């Protein structure tokens, strides 16, 4: 069993291209079914957070390949904005 606080501390990595998407910021739940619908990775802040941030990446739970000790491996294709390296 995994707590949501533990999920939020894991890096989300896309297995398609090996890029780091960021950390989980939120979960979307289906309360009627009692299931996690998707995870949300917040968009990257623009210029010290003064100009907002990029769009969030919403990843369907079915796209999660593996939840490991330090990372969550996902399969995301299409356009998304990966965080910029420092």
Protein backbone atom coordinates (compact mmCIF):
# COMPACT_ATOMS: atom_id res chain seq x y z
CA UNK A 1 0.00 0.00 0.00
CA UNK A 2 1.24 3.51 -0.85
CA UNK A 3 0.21 6.76 0.84
CA UNK A 4 -0.49 9.86 -1.25
CA UNK A 5 2.22 11.71 0.69
CA UNK A 6 4.71 9.07 -0.48
CA UNK A 7 3.52 9.35 -4.11
CA UNK A 8 4.09 13.12 -4.07
CA UNK A 9 7.78 12.63 -3.23
CA UNK A 10 8.55 10.38 -6.21
CA UNK A 11 9.89 11.62 -9.56
CA UNK A 12 7.64 10.86 -12.53
CA UNK A 13 9.70 9.54 -15.47
CA UNK A 14 8.38 8.99 -19.01
CA UNK A 15 9.59 5.62 -20.34
CA UNK A 16 9.00 6.77 -23.94
CA UNK A 17 11.89 9.27 -23.92
CA UNK A 18 13.41 9.00 -20.43
CA UNK A 19 12.49 12.56 -19.46
CA UNK A 20 11.62 13.64 -15.94
CA UNK A 21 8.10 15.10 -15.88
CA UNK A 22 8.26 16.31 -12.28
CA UNK A 23 6.57 15.38 -9.02
CA UNK A 24 2.92 14.48 -8.53
CA UNK A 25 0.97 17.52 -7.43
CA UNK A 26 -2.53 16.07 -7.27
CA UNK A 27 -4.68 13.00 -7.83
CA UNK A 28 -8.00 12.78 -9.65
CA UNK A 29 -10.32 10.31 -7.92
CA UNK A 30 -13.46 8.54 -9.10
CA UNK A 31 -15.41 8.56 -5.85
CA UNK A 32 -18.25 6.43 -7.22
CA UNK A 33 -15.89 3.62 -8.20
CA UNK A 34 -13.40 4.23 -5.36
CA UNK A 35 -10.42 4.41 -7.74
CA UNK A 36 -7.62 6.74 -8.73
CA UNK A 37 -8.48 8.09 -12.18
CA UNK A 38 -5.26 9.99 -12.94
CA UNK A 39 -2.27 11.78 -11.48
CA UNK A 40 -1.46 15.43 -12.15
CA UNK A 41 2.08 16.76 -12.58
CA UNK A 42 2.10 20.57 -12.24
CA UNK A 43 3.47 22.61 -15.13
CA UNK A 44 6.85 24.33 -14.92
CA UNK A 45 6.87 27.84 -13.43
CA UNK A 46 7.79 30.64 -15.80
CA UNK A 47 10.38 33.22 -14.76
CA UNK A 48 10.38 32.96 -10.97
CA UNK A 49 6.65 32.20 -10.93
CA UNK A 50 5.76 35.78 -11.91
CA UNK A 51 4.25 34.84 -15.26
CA UNK A 52 2.28 31.78 -14.19
CA UNK A 53 3.22 28.30 -15.25
CA UNK A 54 2.85 25.88 -18.12
CA UNK A 55 -0.13 23.53 -18.37
CA UNK A 56 -0.35 20.62 -15.97
CA UNK A 57 0.29 17.12 -17.29
CA UNK A 58 -2.62 14.79 -16.50
CA UNK A 59 -1.63 11.13 -16.70
CA UNK A 60 -4.31 8.41 -16.76
CA UNK A 61 -3.75 5.75 -14.13
CA UNK A 62 -3.59 3.11 -16.91
CA UNK A 63 -0.46 4.88 -18.24
CA UNK A 64 1.48 4.19 -15.04
CA UNK A 65 3.86 1.32 -15.74
CA UNK A 66 5.54 0.91 -12.34
CA UNK A 67 5.62 2.60 -8.94
CA UNK A 68 9.11 2.11 -7.51
CA UNK A 69 10.83 3.23 -4.32
CA UNK A 70 12.08 6.52 -5.81
CA UNK A 71 10.31 6.94 -9.14
CA UNK A 72 7.03 6.39 -10.95
CA UNK A 73 7.43 5.16 -14.52
CA UNK A 74 4.73 6.32 -16.95
CA UNK A 75 4.12 6.02 -20.68
CA UNK A 76 3.16 9.43 -22.09
CA UNK A 77 3.13 10.08 -25.82
CA UNK A 78 2.31 13.31 -27.58
CA UNK A 79 3.04 16.86 -26.52
CA UNK A 80 3.99 17.64 -22.96
CA UNK A 81 6.35 20.12 -21.38
CA UNK A 82 9.17 18.51 -19.41
CA UNK A 83 10.89 20.55 -16.68
CA UNK A 84 14.06 22.31 -17.70
CA UNK A 85 17.32 21.10 -16.14
CA UNK A 86 19.29 23.52 -13.98
